[in-house]
């Protein structure tokens, strides 16, 4: 009888695990509240802030374009004889106080909307990798437009990757305009999560906006729910404006598109080797961008992207998976919370070339610290290898498991009258079964408090051997084949897509979207019959 009860309890738990849960009942969900980890004490935060204000007021940025100079000097800034644009403390502080906060980054599907309030945290992709790694042959090849579409389709079904910033450069797109346009198109075609991308020139963005208006159902519909944001590298560290990127920034703001203001100096190369100095420079650069944006359009939705990177000072090479990188980004997230500004950082940029043990530990501690520091958006948290030079498709699936677990640590432990479980212990220990496996509390919390991996292995050695002794990469490959062979979403309706292909240089081929185009060809044939 005891054996039967145990089997019955196991069956019940399996059935409960298989049952779908409401979003609000899941153990983790997008927008959990971080901020428990503070690498800087209050005096250090104040010291960094004082240094930031000093740098902006007395060093400033060079190479500002005329429209930027006019905006800032009309607001009280100064353009020096050395050609540097400086920002008085009062202007910076007034901008911070008045800046847009508590806004929503929209997605095509509202269930993926992200509320950038307080220290809500979201994990997503990003990067400009130029290679895809084949984990079987260990060879790196150039990334393509089809790869980007495939990655979008993968991320589209990954529960714990909350948004999709393009992670690769499509090396088969040689014309800059076609690269910018098709990058955005492939992202929009592959996922309904919020999308981030970038443009080289403002006219490229202007043309892409025509496409986005058509997809959204008109310019008014787009402006009501802009589902793409621009990642603007408007500065070239140290402390110089990037002229073309500033032109794109101005176009972005006027197009009603949210903007990520990126400052990505590399410690010891383009920012100070001192970690504190690197934080100061990148915070200063992003706040200069925030002033700039708000002088174009007050309260425009903008995130400060404080992304200082780390060098291996023995070689000068970037080290995205180092402990220094982890603590540096966490400090930047904490500074964002100090200013109460929507803040984005980067984590998960493994130095390892493959999804191996090195990749696991590098991604684990960098994303954990990022999740707990209070930043709102963590970019580059899935898929990346070789310090952002390469991408593994399998890693998006493996890292999805990791991010679910990291998000569970962000959630923390709820302590209340029910969770301390005194009555539960009384039930089990006094006249009970002496275990908690079948208790109502266990069954109720099985999914509401616990997160389970999709490809991570928790079987016993005996079960593992019976199931083929697979490792996490092999399990991820099986999942990858399942997604890429079956998930061909139709996120741009057929009539709109045909219109886009008539008006713009869409280079994602019909063969690459083959299941979708079987349906489109049938639709075309039906229209011709009519």
Protein backbone atom coordinates (compact mmCIF):
# COMPACT_ATOMS: atom_id res chain seq x y z
CA UNK A 1 0.00 0.00 0.00
CA UNK A 2 2.82 2.41 0.83
CA UNK A 3 4.39 1.70 -2.57
CA UNK A 4 1.05 2.39 -4.29
CA UNK A 5 0.66 5.66 -2.43
CA UNK A 6 4.16 6.73 -3.48
CA UNK A 7 3.42 5.91 -7.10
CA UNK A 8 0.11 7.75 -6.91
CA UNK A 9 1.82 10.80 -5.45
CA UNK A 10 4.43 10.73 -8.18
CA UNK A 11 1.74 10.50 -10.88
CA UNK A 12 -0.12 13.40 -9.32
CA UNK A 13 3.02 15.51 -9.25
CA UNK A 14 3.76 14.70 -12.90
CA UNK A 15 0.20 15.63 -13.88
CA UNK A 16 0.48 18.89 -11.94
CA UNK A 17 3.82 19.67 -13.57
CA UNK A 18 2.29 19.17 -17.02
CA UNK A 19 -0.72 21.40 -16.35
CA UNK A 20 -0.43 24.96 -17.72
CA UNK A 21 -0.11 27.76 -15.19
CA UNK A 22 -1.40 31.29 -15.32
CA UNK A 23 1.41 33.78 -15.86
CA UNK A 24 0.90 35.34 -12.43
CA UNK A 25 1.22 31.93 -10.74
CA UNK A 26 4.58 30.98 -12.26
CA UNK A 27 7.66 30.76 -10.07
CA UNK A 28 9.40 33.39 -12.20
CA UNK A 29 8.15 35.81 -14.81
CA UNK A 30 9.45 38.87 -16.65
CA UNK A 31 9.98 41.93 -14.49
CA UNK A 32 10.97 40.38 -11.17
CA UNK A 33 12.39 42.98 -8.74
CA UNK A 34 16.17 42.99 -8.29
CA UNK A 35 18.38 45.43 -6.45
CA UNK A 36 19.44 43.35 -3.44
CA UNK A 37 23.11 43.37 -4.42
CA UNK A 38 24.97 46.67 -3.97
CA UNK A 39 28.68 46.50 -4.76
CA UNK A 40 29.09 50.19 -3.87
CA UNK A 41 28.43 51.59 -0.41
CA UNK A 42 26.53 54.92 -0.12
CA UNK A 43 29.70 57.00 0.21
CA UNK A 44 31.17 55.37 -2.90
CA UNK A 45 27.99 56.07 -4.86
CA UNK A 46 28.16 59.72 -3.82
CA UNK A 47 31.84 59.94 -4.74
CA UNK A 48 31.18 58.50 -8.21
CA UNK A 49 28.27 60.89 -8.74
CA UNK A 50 30.45 63.88 -7.79
CA UNK A 51 33.10 62.73 -10.24
CA UNK A 52 30.48 62.29 -13.00
CA UNK A 53 29.21 65.84 -12.53
CA UNK A 54 32.78 67.18 -12.48
CA UNK A 55 33.67 65.38 -15.72
CA UNK A 56 30.57 66.63 -17.53
CA UNK A 57 31.00 70.22 -16.35
CA UNK A 58 34.75 70.57 -16.75
CA UNK A 59 35.89 68.05 -19.39
CA UNK A 60 32.81 67.55 -21.56
CA UNK A 61 32.63 65.78 -24.91
CA UNK A 62 34.27 66.63 -28.22
CA UNK A 63 33.07 66.27 -31.83
CA UNK A 64 29.47 67.35 -31.19
CA UNK A 65 27.46 68.02 -34.34
CA UNK A 66 26.11 71.58 -34.84
CA UNK A 67 22.53 70.73 -33.87
CA UNK A 68 23.72 69.17 -30.60
CA UNK A 69 25.93 72.18 -29.83
CA UNK A 70 23.00 74.53 -30.44
CA UNK A 71 20.63 72.53 -28.23
CA UNK A 72 23.05 72.24 -25.30
CA UNK A 73 24.41 75.82 -25.39
CA UNK A 74 20.88 77.23 -25.61
CA UNK A 75 20.12 75.25 -22.43
CA UNK A 76 23.11 76.68 -20.55
CA UNK A 77 25.96 74.46 -21.72
CA UNK A 78 29.28 75.77 -22.96
CA UNK A 79 31.23 75.10 -26.15
CA UNK A 80 34.90 75.64 -25.28
CA UNK A 81 37.76 76.96 -27.38
CA UNK A 82 39.13 73.38 -27.42
CA UNK A 83 35.95 72.25 -29.19
CA UNK A 84 34.45 70.46 -26.19
CA UNK A 85 30.79 70.66 -25.21
CA UNK A 86 30.35 70.88 -21.44
CA UNK A 87 27.23 70.29 -19.38
CA UNK A 88 26.60 72.33 -16.22
CA UNK A 89 25.62 70.33 -13.18
CA UNK A 90 22.26 72.08 -12.92
CA UNK A 91 21.35 71.06 -16.48
CA UNK A 92 22.29 67.43 -15.86
CA UNK A 93 20.44 67.24 -12.54
CA UNK A 94 17.34 68.93 -13.96
CA UNK A 95 17.34 66.46 -16.85
CA UNK A 96 17.62 63.48 -14.50
CA UNK A 97 14.76 64.80 -12.36
CA UNK A 98 12.49 65.38 -15.38
CA UNK A 99 13.45 62.37 -17.52
CA UNK A 100 10.95 59.77 -18.67
CA UNK A 101 10.72 56.88 -16.24
CA UNK A 102 8.16 54.19 -15.48
CA UNK A 103 7.45 53.63 -19.17
CA UNK A 104 6.64 50.50 -21.16
CA UNK A 105 8.82 48.95 -23.84
CA UNK A 106 6.14 47.55 -26.09
CA UNK A 107 6.14 44.28 -27.99
CA UNK A 108 4.08 43.22 -30.99
CA UNK A 109 2.29 40.85 -28.60
CA UNK A 110 1.24 42.78 -25.46
CA UNK A 111 1.98 39.76 -23.26
CA UNK A 112 5.67 40.52 -23.86
CA UNK A 113 5.45 44.21 -22.89
CA UNK A 114 8.13 45.26 -20.38
CA UNK A 115 7.41 47.80 -17.64
CA UNK A 116 10.58 49.75 -16.85
CA UNK A 117 9.62 50.77 -13.34
CA UNK A 118 11.82 50.77 -10.27
CA UNK A 119 14.19 47.81 -10.33
CA UNK A 120 12.17 45.42 -12.47
CA UNK A 121 14.59 43.21 -14.39
CA UNK A 122 14.38 41.74 -17.90
CA UNK A 123 16.91 39.54 -19.70
CA UNK A 124 17.50 39.59 -23.44
CA UNK A 125 19.94 39.19 -26.29
CA UNK A 126 22.25 41.64 -28.03
CA UNK A 127 25.64 41.90 -29.65
CA UNK A 128 27.26 42.31 -33.02
CA UNK A 129 28.85 38.90 -33.43
CA UNK A 130 30.23 38.15 -36.86
CA UNK A 131 30.43 34.37 -36.48
CA UNK A 132 28.27 31.34 -35.75
CA UNK A 133 30.05 28.44 -34.03
CA UNK A 134 29.32 24.84 -34.98
CA UNK A 135 29.63 23.00 -31.67
CA UNK A 136 30.30 19.66 -33.38
CA UNK A 137 33.14 20.75 -35.68
CA UNK A 138 34.24 23.68 -33.44
CA UNK A 139 34.47 25.85 -36.51
CA UNK A 140 33.46 29.50 -36.68
CA UNK A 141 31.74 30.68 -39.88
CA UNK A 142 30.39 34.08 -40.89
CA UNK A 143 26.88 34.88 -39.68
CA UNK A 144 24.07 35.47 -42.19
CA UNK A 145 20.60 36.97 -42.49
CA UNK A 146 19.06 33.49 -42.29
CA UNK A 147 20.94 32.93 -39.02
CA UNK A 148 19.39 36.10 -37.61
CA UNK A 149 15.88 34.96 -38.58
CA UNK A 150 16.56 31.53 -37.07
CA UNK A 151 17.80 33.07 -33.81
CA UNK A 152 14.68 35.25 -33.65
CA UNK A 153 12.54 32.13 -34.04
CA UNK A 154 14.47 30.41 -31.24
CA UNK A 155 14.19 33.35 -28.85
CA UNK A 156 10.51 33.67 -29.71
CA UNK A 157 9.80 30.43 -27.79
CA UNK A 158 12.34 30.85 -24.97
CA UNK A 159 10.39 31.67 -21.80
CA UNK A 160 13.21 33.33 -19.88
CA UNK A 161 14.65 35.47 -22.70
CA UNK A 162 12.32 38.44 -22.50
CA UNK A 163 13.37 40.61 -25.46
CA UNK A 164 15.29 40.30 -28.73
CA UNK A 165 18.11 42.66 -29.60
CA UNK A 166 19.86 41.55 -32.77
CA UNK A 167 22.86 39.47 -31.63
CA UNK A 168 24.72 39.14 -34.95
CA UNK A 169 25.81 41.14 -37.97
CA UNK A 170 24.53 39.64 -41.23
CA UNK A 171 27.78 39.26 -43.12
CA UNK A 172 26.02 38.36 -46.37
CA UNK A 173 24.51 41.87 -46.53
CA UNK A 174 27.17 44.02 -48.21
CA UNK A 175 25.16 47.21 -48.83
CA UNK A 176 24.83 49.16 -45.55
CA UNK A 177 21.21 50.22 -46.19
CA UNK A 178 20.17 46.66 -47.01
CA UNK A 179 21.96 45.41 -43.88
CA UNK A 180 20.10 47.87 -41.63
CA UNK A 181 16.71 47.31 -43.26
CA UNK A 182 16.91 43.52 -43.46
CA UNK A 183 18.23 43.19 -39.92
CA UNK A 184 15.07 44.88 -38.65
CA UNK A 185 12.84 42.92 -41.04
CA UNK A 186 14.26 39.52 -40.00
CA UNK A 187 13.76 40.37 -36.32
CA UNK A 188 10.17 41.49 -36.84
CA UNK A 189 9.42 38.40 -38.94
CA UNK A 190 10.84 36.04 -36.31
CA UNK A 191 9.45 37.20 -32.96
CA UNK A 192 6.70 39.26 -31.33
CA UNK A 193 8.93 40.19 -28.39
CA UNK A 194 10.34 43.70 -28.13
CA UNK A 195 13.11 44.21 -30.69
CA UNK A 196 16.27 46.26 -30.55
CA UNK A 197 18.53 47.07 -33.47
CA UNK A 198 20.58 49.93 -34.94
CA UNK A 199 21.10 51.98 -38.09
CA UNK A 200 24.26 53.41 -39.65
CA UNK A 201 22.66 56.49 -41.25
CA UNK A 202 19.43 58.43 -40.59
CA UNK A 203 18.13 57.78 -44.11
CA UNK A 204 18.35 54.03 -43.41
CA UNK A 205 16.13 54.54 -40.39
CA UNK A 206 13.72 56.70 -42.38
CA UNK A 207 13.21 53.88 -44.90
CA UNK A 208 12.85 51.28 -42.14
CA UNK A 209 10.22 53.42 -40.42
CA UNK A 210 8.05 53.11 -43.54
CA UNK A 211 8.22 49.35 -43.13
CA UNK A 212 7.44 49.53 -39.40
CA UNK A 213 4.44 51.77 -40.02
CA UNK A 214 3.04 49.24 -42.50
CA UNK A 215 3.60 46.36 -40.10
CA UNK A 216 2.06 48.30 -37.19
CA UNK A 217 -1.00 49.34 -39.19
CA UNK A 218 -0.09 53.00 -39.67
CA UNK A 219 2.09 55.69 -38.11
CA UNK A 220 -0.41 56.44 -35.34
CA UNK A 221 -0.53 52.77 -34.37
CA UNK A 222 3.26 52.68 -34.34
CA UNK A 223 3.57 55.76 -32.13
CA UNK A 224 1.01 54.32 -29.70
CA UNK A 225 2.99 51.08 -29.35
CA UNK A 226 6.55 51.35 -30.74
CA UNK A 227 7.79 47.76 -30.62
CA UNK A 228 11.35 48.41 -31.87
CA UNK A 229 14.02 50.44 -30.07
CA UNK A 230 17.25 51.91 -31.38
CA UNK A 231 20.58 51.05 -29.79
CA UNK A 232 22.50 54.26 -30.23
CA UNK A 233 26.30 54.22 -29.93
CA UNK A 234 26.24 58.01 -29.93
CA UNK A 235 29.64 58.30 -28.25
CA UNK A 236 33.10 57.04 -29.16
CA UNK A 237 34.89 56.63 -25.82
CA UNK A 238 36.66 58.42 -24.38
CA UNK A 239 34.25 61.36 -24.28
CA UNK A 240 33.66 62.03 -27.98
CA UNK A 241 30.40 62.18 -29.90
CA UNK A 242 29.97 59.90 -32.91
CA UNK A 243 28.73 62.19 -35.66
CA UNK A 244 26.70 59.80 -37.85
CA UNK A 245 25.24 58.10 -34.78
CA UNK A 246 24.12 61.49 -33.44
CA UNK A 247 22.24 62.13 -36.69
CA UNK A 248 20.54 58.74 -36.23
CA UNK A 249 19.80 59.59 -32.58
CA UNK A 250 17.94 62.75 -33.58
CA UNK A 251 15.96 60.88 -36.24
CA UNK A 252 15.12 58.13 -33.74
CA UNK A 253 13.67 60.55 -31.23
CA UNK A 254 11.56 62.34 -33.84
CA UNK A 255 10.30 58.99 -35.13
CA UNK A 256 8.84 58.15 -31.71
CA UNK A 257 11.19 55.22 -31.20
CA UNK A 258 12.57 54.40 -27.72
CA UNK A 259 16.33 54.71 -27.51
CA UNK A 260 19.11 52.89 -25.69
CA UNK A 261 21.96 55.32 -25.08
CA UNK A 262 25.09 53.17 -25.24
CA UNK A 263 28.49 54.05 -23.85
CA UNK A 264 30.85 51.10 -24.13
CA UNK A 265 34.38 52.06 -23.19
CA UNK A 266 36.91 49.28 -22.60
CA UNK A 267 38.77 49.53 -19.30
CA UNK A 268 42.46 50.11 -19.87
CA UNK A 269 41.94 51.00 -23.52
CA UNK A 270 39.13 53.50 -24.12
CA UNK A 271 38.18 54.06 -20.46
CA UNK A 272 40.33 54.14 -17.32
CA UNK A 273 41.81 50.84 -16.12
CA UNK A 274 40.48 51.73 -12.68
CA UNK A 275 37.06 50.11 -12.39
CA UNK A 276 35.69 53.12 -10.52
CA UNK A 277 37.06 55.45 -13.21
CA UNK A 278 35.47 53.31 -15.91
CA UNK A 279 32.09 53.61 -14.16
CA UNK A 280 32.52 57.39 -13.91
CA UNK A 281 33.31 57.83 -17.61
CA UNK A 282 30.49 55.63 -18.92
CA UNK A 283 27.87 57.12 -16.57
CA UNK A 284 29.00 60.61 -17.63
CA UNK A 285 28.75 59.75 -21.33
CA UNK A 286 25.27 58.26 -21.01
CA UNK A 287 23.99 61.20 -18.97
CA UNK A 288 25.29 63.56 -21.68
CA UNK A 289 23.20 61.52 -24.12
CA UNK A 290 20.18 61.76 -21.86
CA UNK A 291 20.47 65.56 -21.81
CA UNK A 292 20.79 65.57 -25.59
CA UNK A 293 17.69 63.41 -26.10
CA UNK A 294 15.56 65.44 -23.68
CA UNK A 295 16.53 68.70 -25.36
CA UNK A 296 15.21 67.26 -28.63
CA UNK A 297 12.02 65.86 -27.06
CA UNK A 298 11.26 66.29 -23.37
CA UNK A 299 10.53 62.99 -21.60
CA UNK A 300 11.33 60.85 -24.61
CA UNK A 301 11.60 57.17 -23.53
CA UNK A 302 15.32 56.52 -23.15
CA UNK A 303 17.49 54.03 -21.26
CA UNK A 304 21.01 54.77 -20.11
CA UNK A 305 23.12 51.91 -21.43
CA UNK A 306 26.12 52.02 -19.11
CA UNK A 307 28.27 49.28 -20.68
CA UNK A 308 31.92 49.53 -19.66
CA UNK A 309 33.84 46.50 -20.90
CA UNK A 310 36.98 44.93 -19.47
CA UNK A 311 40.34 44.29 -21.10
CA UNK A 312 42.69 41.47 -20.29
CA UNK A 313 45.54 43.84 -19.57
CA UNK A 314 48.13 41.21 -20.55
CA UNK A 315 46.96 41.34 -24.18
CA UNK A 316 44.46 44.20 -24.50
CA UNK A 317 41.76 41.77 -25.65
CA UNK A 318 38.23 42.16 -24.35
CA UNK A 319 37.23 39.83 -21.51
CA UNK A 320 33.44 39.64 -21.37
CA UNK A 321 33.35 36.74 -18.92
CA UNK A 322 35.68 38.03 -16.22
CA UNK A 323 34.91 38.70 -12.57
CA UNK A 324 35.90 42.32 -13.16
CA UNK A 325 33.29 42.53 -15.91
CA UNK A 326 30.63 41.14 -13.58
CA UNK A 327 31.27 43.57 -10.74
CA UNK A 328 31.73 46.53 -13.11
CA UNK A 329 28.32 46.05 -14.74
CA UNK A 330 26.69 45.51 -11.34
CA UNK A 331 28.10 48.83 -10.14
CA UNK A 332 26.67 50.53 -13.23
CA UNK A 333 23.28 49.01 -12.53
CA UNK A 334 23.45 50.34 -8.99
CA UNK A 335 24.27 53.84 -10.26
CA UNK A 336 21.22 53.67 -12.51
CA UNK A 337 19.08 52.94 -9.47
CA UNK A 338 20.72 55.86 -7.65
CA UNK A 339 19.49 58.17 -10.41
CA UNK A 340 16.19 56.26 -10.65
CA UNK A 341 16.62 56.07 -14.42
CA UNK A 342 15.70 53.21 -16.77
CA UNK A 343 19.04 51.43 -16.91
CA UNK A 344 20.52 48.79 -19.20
CA UNK A 345 23.71 46.81 -18.69
CA UNK A 346 25.28 43.78 -20.40
CA UNK A 347 26.13 40.36 -18.96
CA UNK A 348 26.59 36.80 -20.20
CA UNK A 349 29.36 37.59 -22.70
CA UNK A 350 31.44 34.44 -22.25
CA UNK A 351 35.08 34.44 -23.29
CA UNK A 352 34.74 30.72 -23.93
CA UNK A 353 34.42 29.75 -27.60
CA UNK A 354 31.92 26.94 -26.94
CA UNK A 355 28.98 26.24 -24.60
CA UNK A 356 31.27 24.37 -22.21
CA UNK A 357 32.07 24.51 -18.48
CA UNK A 358 33.98 27.78 -18.87
CA UNK A 359 30.99 29.30 -20.64
CA UNK A 360 28.70 28.10 -17.85
CA UNK A 361 30.62 29.62 -14.98
CA UNK A 362 31.33 32.89 -16.82
CA UNK A 363 27.69 33.37 -17.79
CA UNK A 364 26.44 32.20 -14.40
CA UNK A 365 28.15 34.79 -12.23
CA UNK A 366 27.93 37.69 -14.67
CA UNK A 367 24.16 37.30 -15.22
CA UNK A 368 23.53 36.64 -11.51
CA UNK A 369 25.18 39.85 -10.40
CA UNK A 370 23.42 41.72 -13.20
CA UNK A 371 20.05 40.34 -12.13
CA UNK A 372 20.53 41.38 -8.53
CA UNK A 373 22.02 44.87 -8.99
CA UNK A 374 18.81 46.71 -9.87
CA UNK A 375 19.28 47.35 -13.59
CA UNK A 376 16.13 47.08 -15.70
CA UNK A 377 17.53 45.47 -18.85
CA UNK A 378 20.32 42.92 -19.15
CA UNK A 379 21.49 42.66 -22.75
CA UNK A 380 23.74 39.98 -24.29
CA UNK A 381 22.61 37.52 -21.62
CA UNK A 382 22.12 34.56 -23.98
CA UNK A 383 23.94 32.91 -26.86
CA UNK A 384 27.19 34.87 -26.88
CA UNK A 385 30.74 33.47 -27.01
CA UNK A 386 34.32 34.57 -27.73
CA UNK A 387 33.76 37.92 -25.99
CA UNK A 388 30.93 38.84 -28.40
CA UNK A 389 32.67 37.65 -31.57
CA UNK A 390 30.61 34.47 -31.88
CA UNK A 391 27.18 32.98 -31.28
CA UNK A 392 26.07 29.41 -30.61
CA UNK A 393 22.46 28.58 -31.52
CA UNK A 394 22.45 25.85 -28.88
CA UNK A 395 23.50 28.38 -26.26
CA UNK A 396 20.26 30.34 -26.59
CA UNK A 397 18.47 27.21 -25.39
CA UNK A 398 21.00 26.34 -22.67
CA UNK A 399 21.12 29.94 -21.46
CA UNK A 400 17.33 30.05 -21.28
CA UNK A 401 17.57 27.43 -18.51
CA UNK A 402 20.28 29.47 -16.80
CA UNK A 403 18.25 32.68 -16.91
CA UNK A 404 15.22 30.94 -15.43
CA UNK A 405 17.36 29.85 -12.49
CA UNK A 406 18.96 33.30 -12.15
CA UNK A 407 15.52 34.89 -12.14
CA UNK A 408 14.51 32.51 -9.36
CA UNK A 409 17.37 33.81 -7.23
CA UNK A 410 16.21 37.35 -8.00
CA UNK A 411 12.75 36.52 -6.71
CA UNK A 412 14.16 35.53 -3.32
CA UNK A 413 12.27 33.85 -0.47
CA UNK A 414 8.86 34.91 0.79
CA UNK A 415 8.58 34.70 4.58
CA UNK A 416 5.08 34.84 6.08
CA UNK A 417 2.72 32.88 8.32
CA UNK A 418 2.06 30.25 5.67
CA UNK A 419 5.59 29.84 4.30
CA UNK A 420 7.28 29.24 7.67
CA UNK A 421 5.17 26.04 7.55
CA UNK A 422 4.60 25.31 11.23
CA UNK A 423 1.19 23.72 10.64
CA UNK A 424 2.58 21.76 7.69
CA UNK A 425 5.31 20.34 9.92
CA UNK A 426 2.66 19.50 12.53
CA UNK A 427 0.60 17.62 9.92
CA UNK A 428 3.57 15.59 8.70
CA UNK A 429 5.44 14.96 11.94
CA UNK A 430 2.56 14.17 14.31
CA UNK A 431 0.68 11.17 12.99
CA UNK A 432 1.54 11.97 9.40
CA UNK A 433 3.49 10.13 6.69
CA UNK A 434 6.86 11.57 7.90
CA UNK A 435 7.51 13.13 4.49
CA UNK A 436 6.13 16.10 2.58
CA UNK A 437 5.91 14.60 -0.92
CA UNK A 438 2.13 14.35 -1.08
CA UNK A 439 1.23 17.25 1.18
CA UNK A 440 -1.14 19.89 -0.14
CA UNK A 441 1.50 22.60 0.32
CA UNK A 442 4.03 20.64 -1.73
CA UNK A 443 1.55 20.05 -4.52
CA UNK A 444 0.45 23.69 -4.48
CA UNK A 445 3.99 25.09 -4.58
CA UNK A 446 5.42 22.59 -7.02
CA UNK A 447 5.20 25.00 -9.94
CA UNK A 448 4.49 28.25 -8.15
CA UNK A 449 7.79 28.26 -6.23
CA UNK A 450 10.06 26.05 -8.30
CA UNK A 451 11.65 26.43 -11.74
CA UNK A 452 12.58 23.39 -13.82
CA UNK A 453 15.18 23.21 -16.61
CA UNK A 454 14.30 22.14 -20.12
CA UNK A 455 17.69 20.82 -21.17
CA UNK A 456 19.57 20.76 -17.87
CA UNK A 457 19.80 17.20 -16.49
CA UNK A 458 18.56 16.23 -13.02
CA UNK A 459 18.19 12.49 -13.48
CA UNK A 460 20.03 9.86 -11.42
CA UNK A 461 23.14 8.29 -12.98
CA UNK A 462 21.11 5.14 -13.68
CA UNK A 463 18.30 7.04 -15.42
CA UNK A 464 20.83 9.17 -17.28
CA UNK A 465 22.54 6.08 -18.66
CA UNK A 466 19.23 4.51 -19.63
CA UNK A 467 18.27 7.68 -21.52
CA UNK A 468 21.45 7.66 -23.59
CA UNK A 469 23.99 9.44 -21.34
CA UNK A 470 23.39 12.73 -23.16
CA UNK A 471 24.99 16.03 -22.20
CA UNK A 472 23.37 19.45 -22.19
CA UNK A 473 24.65 20.35 -25.66
CA UNK A 474 23.13 17.21 -27.19
CA UNK A 475 19.80 17.91 -25.51
CA UNK A 476 19.93 21.50 -26.73
CA UNK A 477 20.60 20.28 -30.27
CA UNK A 478 17.47 18.12 -30.15
CA UNK A 479 15.43 21.10 -28.97
CA UNK A 480 17.04 23.30 -31.61
CA UNK A 481 16.08 20.94 -34.42
CA UNK A 482 12.53 20.80 -33.10
CA UNK A 483 12.21 24.60 -33.11
CA UNK A 484 13.88 25.27 -36.44
CA UNK A 485 11.94 22.55 -38.24
CA UNK A 486 8.55 23.46 -36.83
CA UNK A 487 8.36 27.07 -35.65
CA UNK A 488 7.76 29.24 -38.73
CA UNK A 489 5.70 32.11 -37.33
CA UNK A 490 3.55 34.43 -39.46
CA UNK A 491 4.09 37.69 -37.64
CA UNK A 492 3.79 39.83 -40.77
CA UNK A 493 0.49 39.17 -42.52
CA UNK A 494 0.72 37.90 -46.08
CA UNK A 495 -0.70 40.98 -47.81
CA UNK A 496 1.63 43.31 -45.89
CA UNK A 497 4.62 41.11 -46.55
CA UNK A 498 3.93 41.05 -50.28
CA UNK A 499 3.66 44.85 -50.21
CA UNK A 500 6.99 45.10 -48.38
CA UNK A 501 8.68 42.88 -50.91
CA UNK A 502 7.36 45.09 -53.71
CA UNK A 503 8.59 48.33 -52.10
CA UNK A 504 11.78 47.37 -50.26
CA UNK A 505 14.86 45.18 -50.79
CA UNK A 506 13.72 42.28 -48.57
CA UNK A 507 16.51 39.69 -48.80
CA UNK A 508 15.16 36.96 -46.52
CA UNK A 509 14.28 34.41 -49.17
CA UNK A 510 11.06 32.49 -49.57
CA UNK A 511 13.00 29.28 -49.13
CA UNK A 512 14.28 30.47 -45.74
CA UNK A 513 10.66 31.04 -44.70
CA UNK A 514 9.48 27.95 -46.53
CA UNK A 515 6.46 26.88 -44.50
CA UNK A 516 5.19 30.40 -44.47
CA UNK A 517 5.55 30.66 -48.25
CA UNK A 518 3.63 27.46 -48.90
CA UNK A 519 0.69 29.28 -47.31
CA UNK A 520 1.39 32.50 -49.23
CA UNK A 521 1.56 30.70 -52.58
CA UNK A 522 -1.81 29.07 -51.82
CA UNK A 523 -3.24 32.50 -50.96
CA UNK A 524 -1.87 33.99 -54.22
CA UNK A 525 -3.38 31.13 -56.23
CA UNK A 526 -6.75 31.65 -54.53
CA UNK A 527 -6.67 35.40 -55.26
CA UNK A 528 -5.94 34.70 -58.91
CA UNK A 529 -8.92 32.34 -59.11
CA UNK A 530 -11.13 35.04 -57.60
